[in-house]
Amino acid sequence: MCLCRGLLCVLLTTSAMFAQTTGKVQGVVNDDSAKPVPGAYVVATLESPTDHSSFSVVTGPQGNYLFNGLPAGKYSICVHAPGGPSLNNCQWASASEVTVSANQTVSNSPIAVVEGAVVQIRLSDPQKLIGPADDIMIGMYLPSGLFQPLRQAAGDATGRTYDVAVPKKGQVKIGVVSTHLVIADDRGNSLGARPAGQGGNSTSVAATAGAVTITAQTTVSGPPITFTVTGRK
């Protein structure tokens, strides 16, 4: 009986301490025409030299979101909507920043995300050469220079389809990396091997499809950008 009471006291004390050292953040996400963006992922990342913990919530029907129980500190807020045209503000613009204080609710400024266009990338495998252990990474190069892997939207017996939201105008570089497969770009040119010492060994395939000009018309109604698996190493 005494042990149970002691444990209960410890749990109550821990909960009380947690409540006193955390806060809340609420806000809303709109598109560039001031309309709410429902179903978007809002990610709060702690900006600390020793802690980069992330917390995520999904926006409601009116684009509203609420973080409960965030440890006190400074956070960057990013918004992304997988499969949709909304551009991730942290990739194409700048993060929203907010400081959380213990036992307080912070109303963050509205986050405006720009509507882009959804581009599809097709990795075609007509000979069914891709094996379960093969490593394949398809991504795009962000303005910061970072390589961002793309989301796989679908897959079938003849290949995989990826999608990503990009600005309606401008240039985007798409990259493909694999250490086991020979891959050709959308013009039929085989992607060359990356020289040793440049992020991989001499047999790794790592190349871009070049600078692809993106417009709303070509990305929404046009065919996917296609890479084709043509052989194995």
C-alpha atoms as a PDB file:
ATOM      1  CA  MET A   1       0.000   0.000   0.000  1.00  0.00           C
ATOM      2  CA  CYS A   2       2.739   2.434   0.916  1.00  0.00           C
ATOM      3  CA  LEU A   3       4.699   1.591  -2.240  1.00  0.00           C
ATOM      4  CA  CYS A   4       1.682   2.295  -4.424  1.00  0.00           C
ATOM      5  CA  ARG A   5       1.106   5.623  -2.713  1.00  0.00           C
ATOM      6  CA  GLY A   6       4.729   6.552  -3.152  1.00  0.00           C
ATOM      7  CA  LEU A   7       4.630   5.721  -6.856  1.00  0.00           C
ATOM      8  CA  LEU A   8       1.455   7.738  -7.252  1.00  0.00           C
ATOM      9  CA  CYS A   9       3.130  10.705  -5.614  1.00  0.00           C
ATOM     10  CA  VAL A  10       6.118  10.393  -7.954  1.00  0.00           C
ATOM     11  CA  LEU A  11       3.865  10.294 -11.022  1.00  0.00           C
ATOM     12  CA  LEU A  12       1.851  13.278  -9.871  1.00  0.00           C
ATOM     13  CA  THR A  13       5.000  15.250  -9.116  1.00  0.00           C
ATOM     14  CA  THR A  14       6.518  14.407 -12.517  1.00  0.00           C
ATOM     15  CA  SER A  15       3.326  15.454 -14.319  1.00  0.00           C
ATOM     16  CA  ALA A  16       3.223  18.723 -12.435  1.00  0.00           C
ATOM     17  CA  MET A  17       6.847  19.497 -13.290  1.00  0.00           C
ATOM     18  CA  PHE A  18       6.217  18.654 -16.981  1.00  0.00           C
ATOM     19  CA  ALA A  19       3.195  20.963 -17.092  1.00  0.00           C
ATOM     20  CA  GLN A  20       5.233  23.806 -15.615  1.00  0.00           C
ATOM     21  CA  THR A  21       8.050  23.541 -18.190  1.00  0.00           C
ATOM     22  CA  THR A  22       6.011  23.275 -21.374  1.00  0.00           C
ATOM     23  CA  GLY A  23       3.848  25.607 -23.411  1.00  0.00           C
ATOM     24  CA  LYS A  24       1.502  25.704 -26.385  1.00  0.00           C
ATOM     25  CA  VAL A  25       1.693  27.191 -29.889  1.00  0.00           C
ATOM     26  CA  GLN A  26      -1.360  27.870 -31.996  1.00  0.00           C
ATOM     27  CA  GLY A  27      -1.676  29.357 -35.451  1.00  0.00           C
ATOM     28  CA  VAL A  28      -3.104  29.051 -38.934  1.00  0.00           C
ATOM     29  CA  VAL A  29      -1.735  28.100 -42.363  1.00  0.00           C
ATOM     30  CA  ASN A  30      -2.977  29.921 -45.473  1.00  0.00           C
ATOM     31  CA  ASP A  31      -2.039  29.735 -49.135  1.00  0.00           C
ATOM     32  CA  ASP A  32      -0.828  32.729 -51.132  1.00  0.00           C
ATOM     33  CA  SER A  33      -4.432  33.792 -51.802  1.00  0.00           C
ATOM     34  CA  ALA A  34      -5.225  33.839 -48.054  1.00  0.00           C
ATOM     35  CA  LYS A  35      -7.314  30.642 -48.208  1.00  0.00           C
ATOM     36  CA  PRO A  36      -6.858  28.089 -45.390  1.00  0.00           C
ATOM     37  CA  VAL A  37      -4.766  24.988 -46.090  1.00  0.00           C
ATOM     38  CA  PRO A  38      -6.337  21.957 -44.366  1.00  0.00           C
ATOM     39  CA  GLY A  39      -4.569  18.608 -43.933  1.00  0.00           C
ATOM     40  CA  ALA A  40      -1.043  20.052 -44.037  1.00  0.00           C
ATOM     41  CA  TYR A  41       1.723  18.824 -41.755  1.00  0.00           C
ATOM     42  CA  VAL A  42       3.130  21.475 -39.419  1.00  0.00           C
ATOM     43  CA  VAL A  43       6.507  20.560 -37.913  1.00  0.00           C
ATOM     44  CA  ALA A  44       8.056  22.404 -34.969  1.00  0.00           C
ATOM     45  CA  THR A  45      11.787  21.783 -34.518  1.00  0.00           C
ATOM     46  CA  LEU A  46      13.608  22.857 -31.376  1.00  0.00           C
ATOM     47  CA  GLU A  47      16.590  25.082 -32.161  1.00  0.00           C
ATOM     48  CA  SER A  48      19.081  24.102 -29.488  1.00  0.00           C
ATOM     49  CA  PRO A  49      22.796  23.248 -29.752  1.00  0.00           C
ATOM     50  CA  THR A  50      22.081  19.943 -28.013  1.00  0.00           C
ATOM     51  CA  ASP A  51      18.463  19.195 -28.890  1.00  0.00           C
ATOM     52  CA  HIS A  52      16.714  19.229 -32.275  1.00  0.00           C
ATOM     53  CA  SER A  53      13.553  17.410 -31.266  1.00  0.00           C
ATOM     54  CA  SER A  54      10.665  17.726 -33.731  1.00  0.00           C
ATOM     55  CA  PHE A  55       6.922  17.716 -33.090  1.00  0.00           C
ATOM     56  CA  SER A  56       4.207  17.535 -35.740  1.00  0.00           C
ATOM     57  CA  VAL A  57       0.478  18.206 -36.024  1.00  0.00           C
ATOM     58  CA  VAL A  58      -1.990  18.354 -38.918  1.00  0.00           C
ATOM     59  CA  THR A  59      -3.973  21.476 -39.799  1.00  0.00           C
ATOM     60  CA  GLY A  60      -7.743  21.405 -39.373  1.00  0.00           C
ATOM     61  CA  PRO A  61     -10.508  22.386 -41.846  1.00  0.00           C
ATOM     62  CA  GLN A  62      -9.746  26.096 -41.375  1.00  0.00           C
ATOM     63  CA  GLY A  63      -5.982  25.650 -41.614  1.00  0.00           C
ATOM     64  CA  ASN A  64      -5.640  25.916 -37.843  1.00  0.00           C
ATOM     65  CA  TYR A  65      -3.106  23.992 -35.749  1.00  0.00           C
ATOM     66  CA  LEU A  66      -2.217  23.589 -32.076  1.00  0.00           C
ATOM     67  CA  PHE A  67       0.903  22.204 -30.421  1.00  0.00           C
ATOM     68  CA  ASN A  68       0.416  21.011 -26.852  1.00  0.00           C
ATOM     69  CA  GLY A  69       3.215  20.340 -24.377  1.00  0.00           C
ATOM     70  CA  LEU A  70       6.170  21.854 -26.244  1.00  0.00           C
ATOM     71  CA  PRO A  71       9.275  22.170 -24.038  1.00  0.00           C
ATOM     72  CA  ALA A  72      10.260  25.798 -23.533  1.00  0.00           C
ATOM     73  CA  GLY A  73      12.637  27.135 -26.167  1.00  0.00           C
ATOM     74  CA  LYS A  74      12.957  28.568 -29.669  1.00  0.00           C
ATOM     75  CA  TYR A  75      11.381  26.663 -32.566  1.00  0.00           C
ATOM     76  CA  SER A  76      11.367  26.783 -36.351  1.00  0.00           C
ATOM     77  CA  ILE A  77       7.981  25.989 -37.905  1.00  0.00           C
ATOM     78  CA  CYS A  78       7.797  24.265 -41.304  1.00  0.00           C
ATOM     79  CA  VAL A  79       4.705  23.360 -43.326  1.00  0.00           C
ATOM     80  CA  HIS A  80       4.461  20.668 -45.991  1.00  0.00           C
ATOM     81  CA  ALA A  81       1.608  18.834 -47.675  1.00  0.00           C
ATOM     82  CA  PRO A  82       2.732  15.519 -49.249  1.00  0.00           C
ATOM     83  CA  GLY A  83       1.131  14.987 -52.653  1.00  0.00           C
ATOM     84  CA  GLY A  84      -0.227  18.531 -52.838  1.00  0.00           C
ATOM     85  CA  PRO A  85       0.954  21.720 -54.559  1.00  0.00           C
ATOM     86  CA  SER A  86       1.833  23.695 -51.416  1.00  0.00           C
ATOM     87  CA  LEU A  87       5.553  24.484 -51.255  1.00  0.00           C
ATOM     88  CA  ASN A  88       7.424  23.719 -48.040  1.00  0.00           C
ATOM     89  CA  ASN A  89       8.195  27.168 -46.610  1.00  0.00           C
ATOM     90  CA  CYS A  90      11.458  25.948 -45.083  1.00  0.00           C
ATOM     91  CA  GLN A  91      12.712  24.662 -48.455  1.00  0.00           C
ATOM     92  CA  TRP A  92      11.620  27.467 -50.761  1.00  0.00           C
ATOM     93  CA  ALA A  93      11.287  30.508 -48.471  1.00  0.00           C
ATOM     94  CA  SER A  94      12.106  30.727 -44.764  1.00  0.00           C
ATOM     95  CA  ALA A  95      10.985  29.034 -41.579  1.00  0.00           C
ATOM     96  CA  SER A  96       8.562  30.694 -39.228  1.00  0.00           C
ATOM     97  CA  GLU A  97      10.177  31.109 -35.814  1.00  0.00           C
ATOM     98  CA  VAL A  98       8.516  31.205 -32.419  1.00  0.00           C
ATOM     99  CA  THR A  99       9.691  31.169 -28.805  1.00  0.00           C
ATOM    100  CA  VAL A 100       7.787  28.979 -26.362  1.00  0.00           C
ATOM    101  CA  SER A 101       7.632  29.964 -22.703  1.00  0.00           C
ATOM    102  CA  ALA A 102       6.704  27.644 -19.872  1.00  0.00           C
ATOM    103  CA  ASN A 103       3.007  27.411 -19.058  1.00  0.00           C
ATOM    104  CA  GLN A 104       1.993  29.897 -21.789  1.00  0.00           C
ATOM    105  CA  THR A 105       0.107  29.748 -25.095  1.00  0.00           C
ATOM    106  CA  VAL A 106       1.811  31.530 -28.001  1.00  0.00           C
ATOM    107  CA  SER A 107      -0.240  32.686 -30.981  1.00  0.00           C
ATOM    108  CA  ASN A 108       2.078  32.384 -33.955  1.00  0.00           C
ATOM    109  CA  SER A 109       1.795  34.703 -36.942  1.00  0.00           C
ATOM    110  CA  PRO A 110      -0.133  33.167 -39.880  1.00  0.00           C
ATOM    111  CA  ILE A 111       2.105  31.048 -42.095  1.00  0.00           C
ATOM    112  CA  ALA A 112       1.584  31.657 -45.814  1.00  0.00           C
ATOM    113  CA  VAL A 113       2.613  28.820 -48.114  1.00  0.00           C
ATOM    114  CA  VAL A 114       2.991  29.406 -51.830  1.00  0.00           C
ATOM    115  CA  GLU A 115       1.121  27.160 -54.241  1.00  0.00           C
ATOM    116  CA  GLY A 116       3.425  25.476 -56.709  1.00  0.00           C
ATOM    117  CA  ALA A 117       2.898  22.687 -59.209  1.00  0.00           C
ATOM    118  CA  VAL A 118       3.185  18.956 -58.678  1.00  0.00           C
ATOM    119  CA  VAL A 119       5.801  17.292 -60.859  1.00  0.00           C
ATOM    120  CA  GLN A 120       5.951  13.519 -61.255  1.00  0.00           C
ATOM    121  CA  ILE A 121       9.112  11.491 -61.702  1.00  0.00           C
ATOM    122  CA  ARG A 122       8.828   7.985 -63.147  1.00  0.00           C
ATOM    123  CA  LEU A 123      11.488   5.335 -62.589  1.00  0.00           C
ATOM    124  CA  SER A 124      10.675   2.801 -65.291  1.00  0.00           C
ATOM    125  CA  ASP A 125      11.843  -0.796 -64.903  1.00  0.00           C
ATOM    126  CA  PRO A 126      10.551  -2.603 -68.034  1.00  0.00           C
ATOM    127  CA  GLN A 127      12.980  -5.504 -67.599  1.00  0.00           C
ATOM    128  CA  LYS A 128      12.159  -5.874 -63.894  1.00  0.00           C
ATOM    129  CA  LEU A 129      15.789  -5.478 -62.873  1.00  0.00           C
ATOM    130  CA  ILE A 130      15.207  -3.835 -59.499  1.00  0.00           C
ATOM    131  CA  GLY A 131      15.768  -6.264 -56.630  1.00  0.00           C
ATOM    132  CA  PRO A 132      14.647  -6.018 -52.987  1.00  0.00           C
ATOM    133  CA  ALA A 133      18.160  -5.127 -51.807  1.00  0.00           C
ATOM    134  CA  ASP A 134      18.877  -2.471 -54.460  1.00  0.00           C
ATOM    135  CA  ASP A 135      19.407   1.049 -53.173  1.00  0.00           C
ATOM    136  CA  ILE A 136      17.785   3.812 -55.205  1.00  0.00           C
ATOM    137  CA  MET A 137      17.402   7.441 -54.248  1.00  0.00           C
ATOM    138  CA  ILE A 138      15.606  10.033 -56.369  1.00  0.00           C
ATOM    139  CA  GLY A 139      15.537  13.620 -55.217  1.00  0.00           C
ATOM    140  CA  MET A 140      15.861  17.259 -56.130  1.00  0.00           C
ATOM    141  CA  TYR A 141      18.422  19.894 -55.321  1.00  0.00           C
ATOM    142  CA  LEU A 142      16.971  22.711 -53.218  1.00  0.00           C
ATOM    143  CA  PRO A 143      18.043  26.355 -53.532  1.00  0.00           C
ATOM    144  CA  SER A 144      20.196  25.804 -50.426  1.00  0.00           C
ATOM    145  CA  GLY A 145      22.117  23.080 -52.293  1.00  0.00           C
ATOM    146  CA  LEU A 146      20.734  20.266 -50.144  1.00  0.00           C
ATOM    147  CA  PHE A 147      19.525  17.069 -51.789  1.00  0.00           C
ATOM    148  CA  GLN A 148      15.887  16.364 -50.864  1.00  0.00           C
ATOM    149  CA  PRO A 149      14.625  12.784 -51.463  1.00  0.00           C
ATOM    150  CA  LEU A 150      11.258  12.608 -53.222  1.00  0.00           C
ATOM    151  CA  ARG A 151       8.127  10.923 -51.926  1.00  0.00           C
ATOM    152  CA  GLN A 152       7.189   7.649 -53.615  1.00  0.00           C
ATOM    153  CA  ALA A 153       3.540   8.082 -54.585  1.00  0.00           C
ATOM    154  CA  ALA A 154       2.927   4.745 -56.293  1.00  0.00           C
ATOM    155  CA  GLY A 155       4.586   1.557 -57.462  1.00  0.00           C
ATOM    156  CA  ASP A 156       3.767  -1.277 -59.841  1.00  0.00           C
ATOM    157  CA  ALA A 157       5.398  -4.173 -61.674  1.00  0.00           C
ATOM    158  CA  THR A 158       7.057  -1.886 -64.220  1.00  0.00           C
ATOM    159  CA  GLY A 159       8.415   0.847 -61.975  1.00  0.00           C
ATOM    160  CA  ARG A 160       7.830   3.536 -59.376  1.00  0.00           C
ATOM    161  CA  THR A 161       6.277   6.997 -59.465  1.00  0.00           C
ATOM    162  CA  TYR A 162       7.447   9.859 -57.271  1.00  0.00           C
ATOM    163  CA  ASP A 163       5.972  13.327 -56.858  1.00  0.00           C
ATOM    164  CA  VAL A 164       7.007  16.660 -55.401  1.00  0.00           C
ATOM    165  CA  ALA A 165       5.737  20.238 -55.294  1.00  0.00           C
ATOM    166  CA  VAL A 166       8.000  22.728 -57.075  1.00  0.00           C
ATOM    167  CA  PRO A 167       7.708  26.411 -58.029  1.00  0.00           C
ATOM    168  CA  LYS A 168       5.559  26.998 -61.108  1.00  0.00           C
ATOM    169  CA  LYS A 169       8.431  28.731 -62.860  1.00  0.00           C
ATOM    170  CA  GLY A 170      12.150  28.299 -62.668  1.00  0.00           C
ATOM    171  CA  GLN A 171      14.606  25.443 -62.865  1.00  0.00           C
ATOM    172  CA  VAL A 172      14.780  22.335 -60.721  1.00  0.00           C
ATOM    173  CA  LYS A 173      17.534  19.702 -60.872  1.00  0.00           C
ATOM    174  CA  ILE A 174      16.489  16.109 -60.368  1.00  0.00           C
ATOM    175  CA  GLY A 175      19.099  13.570 -59.229  1.00  0.00           C
ATOM    176  CA  VAL A 176      19.253   9.765 -59.174  1.00  0.00           C
ATOM    177  CA  VAL A 177      21.605   7.675 -57.038  1.00  0.00           C
ATOM    178  CA  SER A 178      22.114   3.900 -57.132  1.00  0.00           C
ATOM    179  CA  THR A 179      25.094   1.638 -56.516  1.00  0.00           C
ATOM    180  CA  HIS A 180      23.651  -1.448 -58.211  1.00  0.00           C
ATOM    181  CA  LEU A 181      21.766  -0.293 -61.291  1.00  0.00           C
ATOM    182  CA  VAL A 182      22.503   1.349 -64.635  1.00  0.00           C
ATOM    183  CA  ILE A 183      19.978   4.142 -65.243  1.00  0.00           C
ATOM    184  CA  ALA A 184      19.255   6.304 -68.294  1.00  0.00           C
ATOM    185  CA  ASP A 185      17.692   9.758 -68.265  1.00  0.00           C
ATOM    186  CA  ASP A 186      14.593  10.888 -70.153  1.00  0.00           C
ATOM    187  CA  ARG A 187      16.660  11.300 -73.333  1.00  0.00           C
ATOM    188  CA  GLY A 188      18.070   7.784 -73.203  1.00  0.00           C
ATOM    189  CA  ASN A 189      21.526   8.882 -72.043  1.00  0.00           C
ATOM    190  CA  SER A 190      23.086   6.626 -69.420  1.00  0.00           C
ATOM    191  CA  LEU A 191      23.873   8.406 -66.180  1.00  0.00           C
ATOM    192  CA  GLY A 192      27.594   8.353 -65.581  1.00  0.00           C
ATOM    193  CA  ALA A 193      29.440   6.902 -62.593  1.00  0.00           C
ATOM    194  CA  ARG A 194      30.458   9.270 -59.836  1.00  0.00           C
ATOM    195  CA  PRO A 195      34.250   9.483 -59.476  1.00  0.00           C
ATOM    196  CA  ALA A 196      35.777   8.021 -56.314  1.00  0.00           C
ATOM    197  CA  GLY A 197      36.027  10.479 -53.460  1.00  0.00           C
ATOM    198  CA  GLN A 198      32.855  12.367 -54.366  1.00  0.00           C
ATOM    199  CA  GLY A 199      30.424  10.905 -51.869  1.00  0.00           C
ATOM    200  CA  GLY A 200      30.698   7.314 -53.075  1.00  0.00           C
ATOM    201  CA  ASN A 201      32.838   4.724 -54.829  1.00  0.00           C
ATOM    202  CA  SER A 202      33.706   4.639 -58.511  1.00  0.00           C
ATOM    203  CA  THR A 203      30.865   2.263 -59.363  1.00  0.00           C
ATOM    204  CA  SER A 204      28.044   4.364 -57.938  1.00  0.00           C
ATOM    205  CA  VAL A 205      25.613   5.990 -60.316  1.00  0.00           C
ATOM    206  CA  ALA A 206      25.008   9.600 -59.387  1.00  0.00           C
ATOM    207  CA  ALA A 207      23.932  12.146 -61.962  1.00  0.00           C
ATOM    208  CA  THR A 208      21.255  14.716 -62.627  1.00  0.00           C
ATOM    209  CA  ALA A 209      18.780  14.918 -65.469  1.00  0.00           C
ATOM    210  CA  GLY A 210      19.974  18.455 -65.971  1.00  0.00           C
ATOM    211  CA  ALA A 211      18.113  21.663 -65.232  1.00  0.00           C
ATOM    212  CA  VAL A 212      14.451  21.018 -65.959  1.00  0.00           C
ATOM    213  CA  THR A 213      12.307  24.093 -66.586  1.00  0.00           C
ATOM    214  CA  ILE A 214       9.121  23.808 -64.531  1.00  0.00           C
ATOM    215  CA  THR A 215       5.849  25.504 -65.469  1.00  0.00           C
ATOM    216  CA  ALA A 216       2.326  24.870 -64.239  1.00  0.00           C
ATOM    217  CA  GLN A 217       1.163  23.667 -67.663  1.00  0.00           C
ATOM    218  CA  THR A 218       3.910  21.117 -68.227  1.00  0.00           C
ATOM    219  CA  THR A 219       3.889  19.705 -64.706  1.00  0.00           C
ATOM    220  CA  VAL A 220       0.128  19.381 -64.284  1.00  0.00           C
ATOM    221  CA  SER A 221      -0.902  18.182 -67.739  1.00  0.00           C
ATOM    222  CA  GLY A 222       2.377  16.949 -69.200  1.00  0.00           C
ATOM    223  CA  PRO A 223       3.933  13.474 -68.898  1.00  0.00           C
ATOM    224  CA  PRO A 224       6.232  12.555 -65.978  1.00  0.00           C
ATOM    225  CA  ILE A 225       9.968  13.030 -66.236  1.00  0.00           C
ATOM    226  CA  THR A 226      11.159   9.473 -66.805  1.00  0.00           C
ATOM    227  CA  PHE A 227      14.314   7.604 -65.825  1.00  0.00           C
ATOM    228  CA  THR A 228      14.744   4.024 -67.001  1.00  0.00           C
ATOM    229  CA  VAL A 229      16.631   1.128 -65.440  1.00  0.00           C
ATOM    230  CA  THR A 230      18.618  -0.378 -68.328  1.00  0.00           C
ATOM    231  CA  GLY A 231      20.965  -2.837 -66.621  1.00  0.00           C
ATOM    232  CA  ARG A 232      22.832  -3.979 -63.535  1.00  0.00           C
ATOM    233  CA  LYS A 233      26.404  -3.425 -62.478  1.00  0.00           C
END
